[in-house]
Protein backbone atom coordinates (compact mmCIF):
# COMPACT_ATOMS: atom_id res chain seq x y z
CA VAL A 1 20.69 25.11 1.18
CA CYS A 2 20.49 22.44 -1.50
CA GLU A 3 23.02 20.24 0.24
CA ALA A 4 21.05 20.40 3.46
CA PHE A 5 17.83 19.72 1.62
CA ALA A 6 19.47 16.68 -0.06
CA THR A 7 20.70 15.41 3.32
CA SER A 8 17.24 15.64 4.83
CA VAL A 9 15.83 13.76 1.89
CA SER A 10 18.35 11.09 2.05
CA ILE A 11 17.86 10.61 5.87
CA GLY A 12 14.09 10.59 5.35
CA VAL A 13 14.14 8.04 2.58
CA ILE A 14 16.59 5.61 4.39
CA SER A 15 14.83 5.91 7.74
CA THR A 16 11.43 5.46 6.13
CA VAL A 17 12.35 2.26 4.26
CA ILE A 18 13.82 0.78 7.43
CA ALA A 19 11.04 1.83 9.66
CA THR A 20 8.38 0.70 7.21
CA ILE A 21 9.79 -2.72 6.68
CA LEU A 22 10.41 -3.31 10.47
CA GLY A 23 7.01 -1.71 11.44
CA THR A 24 5.10 -3.81 8.92
CA MET A 25 6.59 -7.06 10.28
CA ILE A 26 6.05 -6.07 13.89
CA ALA A 27 2.41 -5.01 13.19
CA ILE A 28 1.58 -8.40 11.56
CA ALA A 29 3.31 -10.18 14.38
CA LEU A 30 1.37 -8.27 16.99
CA VAL A 31 -2.02 -8.92 15.35
CA ARG A 32 -1.57 -12.49 13.99
CA TYR A 33 0.64 -14.24 16.57
CA ARG A 34 0.55 -14.82 20.33
CA PHE A 35 3.98 -14.79 21.87
CA LYS A 36 5.65 -14.12 25.17
CA PHE A 37 6.00 -10.45 26.19
CA ARG A 38 3.54 -9.45 23.44
CA SER A 39 1.93 -6.89 25.73
CA ALA A 40 5.25 -5.53 26.79
CA VAL A 41 6.32 -5.08 23.15
CA SER A 42 3.08 -3.22 22.38
CA LEU A 43 3.72 -0.87 25.35
CA LEU A 44 7.33 -0.26 24.38
CA LEU A 45 6.28 0.63 20.85
CA PHE A 46 3.84 3.36 22.19
CA LEU A 47 6.34 4.95 24.51
CA PRO A 48 8.21 6.94 21.74
CA MET A 49 4.90 8.45 20.73
CA ALA A 50 4.10 9.57 24.32
CA THR A 51 7.62 10.67 25.04
CA PRO A 52 8.50 14.36 24.43
CA GLU A 53 11.01 14.68 21.53
CA LEU A 54 13.26 16.60 23.83
CA VAL A 55 13.65 13.59 26.15
CA LEU A 56 13.82 11.13 23.33
CA GLY A 57 16.55 13.09 21.57
CA ALA A 58 18.70 13.59 24.71
CA GLY A 59 18.26 9.92 25.71
CA LEU A 60 19.41 8.61 22.33
CA ALA A 61 22.30 11.15 22.40
CA ALA A 62 23.36 9.81 25.74
CA GLN A 63 23.18 6.20 24.61
CA PHE A 64 25.31 7.03 21.46
CA PHE A 65 27.80 8.76 23.75
CA ASN A 66 27.92 5.77 26.11
CA VAL A 67 28.71 3.41 23.35
CA GLY A 68 31.30 5.72 21.72
CA ALA A 69 29.39 6.21 18.52
CA GLU A 70 30.37 9.16 16.38
CA MET A 71 27.49 11.60 15.80
CA GLY A 72 26.63 12.04 12.21
CA PHE A 73 24.51 10.66 9.46
CA GLY A 74 24.21 7.20 10.80
CA THR A 75 23.12 8.26 14.31
CA ILE A 76 20.44 10.51 12.70
CA VAL A 77 19.07 7.63 10.74
CA ILE A 78 18.97 5.37 13.78
CA ALA A 79 17.31 8.03 15.86
CA HIS A 80 14.62 8.77 13.18
CA VAL A 81 14.00 4.97 12.79
CA MET A 82 13.47 4.75 16.52
CA PHE A 83 11.09 7.71 16.39
CA CYS A 84 9.16 6.72 13.27
CA LEU A 85 8.75 3.00 13.96
CA SER A 86 5.92 3.53 16.44
CA PHE A 87 3.84 5.51 13.96
CA VAL A 88 4.42 2.88 11.24
CA VAL A 89 3.32 0.01 13.58
CA VAL A 90 0.09 1.87 14.67
CA THR A 91 -0.83 2.63 11.02
CA VAL A 92 -0.13 -0.71 9.58
CA LYS A 93 -1.55 -2.56 12.69
CA ALA A 94 -4.88 -0.72 12.11
CA ARG A 95 -4.95 -2.06 8.48
CA VAL A 96 -4.01 -5.64 9.43
CA GLN A 97 -6.89 -5.72 11.97
CA THR A 98 -9.35 -4.92 9.17
CA LEU A 99 -8.15 -7.76 6.92
CA ASP A 100 -10.64 -10.76 6.44
CA PRO A 101 -8.94 -13.92 7.18
CA VAL A 102 -11.27 -15.74 4.98
CA LEU A 103 -9.46 -14.35 1.98
CA GLU A 104 -6.14 -15.91 3.06
CA GLU A 105 -7.85 -19.20 3.91
CA ALA A 106 -9.30 -19.25 0.45
CA GLY A 107 -5.78 -18.88 -1.02
CA ARG A 108 -4.48 -21.79 1.16
CA ASP A 109 -7.51 -23.88 0.02
CA LEU A 110 -6.40 -23.23 -3.52
CA TYR A 111 -3.10 -24.86 -2.70
CA ALA A 112 -1.09 -21.58 -2.42
CA ASN A 113 1.98 -21.82 -0.17
CA PRO A 114 2.48 -19.23 2.57
CA LYS A 115 4.80 -17.03 0.45
CA GLN A 116 2.14 -16.99 -2.38
CA VAL A 117 -0.56 -16.14 0.03
CA PHE A 118 1.36 -13.28 1.50
CA TRP A 119 2.47 -11.63 -1.80
CA ARG A 120 -0.70 -12.25 -3.78
CA ILE A 121 -3.36 -11.66 -1.09
CA THR A 122 -2.05 -10.18 2.17
CA PHE A 123 0.46 -7.70 0.85
CA PRO A 124 -1.82 -6.09 -1.77
CA LEU A 125 -4.47 -5.64 0.87
CA LEU A 126 -1.98 -4.12 3.29
CA LEU A 127 -0.35 -1.89 0.62
CA PRO A 128 -2.57 1.19 1.23
CA GLY A 129 -1.78 1.08 4.98
CA ILE A 130 1.96 0.60 4.26
CA VAL A 131 2.04 3.52 1.88
CA SER A 132 0.29 5.75 4.30
CA ALA A 133 2.70 4.73 7.12
CA ALA A 134 5.66 5.35 4.79
CA LEU A 135 4.41 8.85 3.79
CA LEU A 136 3.80 9.65 7.46
CA SER A 137 7.34 8.32 8.40
CA PHE A 138 8.95 10.40 5.81
CA ALA A 139 7.12 13.61 6.69
CA LEU A 140 8.10 13.05 10.41
CA SER A 141 11.73 12.36 9.52
CA PHE A 142 12.14 15.21 7.06
CA ASP A 143 10.49 17.76 9.33
CA ASP A 144 12.15 16.66 12.66
CA PHE A 145 14.45 19.18 14.31
CA ILE A 146 14.79 18.33 18.05
CA ILE A 147 15.91 14.68 17.82
CA THR A 148 18.13 15.57 14.80
CA TYR A 149 19.72 18.48 16.65
CA PHE A 150 20.86 16.19 19.56
CA ASN A 151 22.18 13.45 17.30
CA SER A 152 23.51 15.19 14.17
CA GLY A 153 27.06 16.07 15.02
CA THR A 154 28.43 18.11 12.22
CA VAL A 155 25.67 17.08 9.76
CA ILE A 156 23.47 19.86 8.70
CA THR A 157 19.80 19.07 7.71
CA PHE A 158 17.27 21.27 6.21
CA PRO A 159 15.44 21.99 9.57
CA ILE A 160 18.71 22.68 11.28
CA LEU A 161 19.84 25.05 8.50
CA VAL A 162 16.54 26.94 8.75
CA TYR A 163 16.88 27.21 12.53
CA THR A 164 20.46 28.44 12.47
CA SER A 165 19.73 30.82 9.70
CA ALA A 166 16.70 32.40 11.45
CA LYS A 167 18.70 34.85 13.39
CA ALA A 168 20.28 36.42 10.26
CA GLY A 169 17.08 35.90 8.29
CA VAL A 170 16.00 32.76 6.46
CA PRO A 171 17.56 32.59 2.94
CA PRO A 172 15.07 32.84 0.10
CA GLU A 173 16.25 29.46 -1.25
CA ALA A 174 14.88 27.91 2.00
CA ASN A 175 11.51 29.46 1.51
CA VAL A 176 11.42 28.25 -2.09
CA LEU A 177 12.34 24.64 -1.18
CA ALA A 178 9.86 24.64 1.77
CA SER A 179 6.95 25.90 -0.57
CA SER A 180 7.90 23.29 -3.12
CA VAL A 181 7.73 20.58 -0.54
CA PHE A 182 4.35 21.86 0.68
CA PHE A 183 2.84 21.95 -2.82
CA LEU A 184 4.36 18.52 -3.63
CA ALA A 185 2.68 17.05 -0.59
CA ILE A 186 -0.70 18.52 -1.59
CA ILE A 187 -0.25 17.12 -5.15
CA ILE A 188 0.52 13.67 -3.75
CA VAL A 189 -2.54 13.74 -1.48
CA VAL A 190 -4.89 14.87 -4.38
CA VAL A 191 -3.58 12.34 -6.86
CA THR A 192 -3.86 9.52 -4.32
CA GLN A 193 -7.41 10.57 -3.45
CA VAL A 194 -8.36 10.86 -7.17
CA VAL A 195 -6.88 7.39 -7.90
CA ALA A 196 -8.65 5.93 -4.78
CA ASP A 197 -12.01 7.36 -5.96
CA ALA A 198 -11.50 6.08 -9.43
CA LYS A 199 -10.81 2.50 -8.11
CA ALA A 200 -13.86 2.71 -5.86
CA LYS A 201 -16.07 3.68 -8.73
CA ARG A 202 -14.83 0.81 -10.85
């Protein structure tokens, strides 16, 4: 149980980092820049959100089979990145659209180069949206069963372990870990809300 739990956490962290970095860059590009096929890119990014997980999992499994990729940890990470990327883009994109361009223009007027403007003005303003997108991405990745089941090979994640153990009865350790994750998520939400309220009051 602990090994399966650690595998799910590892996959969730890796896929979240990749999806968050790529999704943030794509969101900024879609809002701030005009380029060819921009509308097509936006449409393609929304397709995974509208596609049933069964279809997405089977389609990715077929593609991995066609290219001769061995199913395992790597294919799960790729599949989760593909699945979570759309949610990250949508979340961060909403945050980018609310940014006031005047703040960045003020930074440039004060002789800041583009790198300084991004890291000292744009990134801090985007950080709440990026953190929200990362938490959502991790939750989706850790909880996913269908896409993982199609692309896991011999790797056993926590959702797969619970599913395969359900016929004989879910082991108590699984219930303990599931409850721990649930309460940890509640604590994170409460702490985040308290910190945000404290900042708002200041």
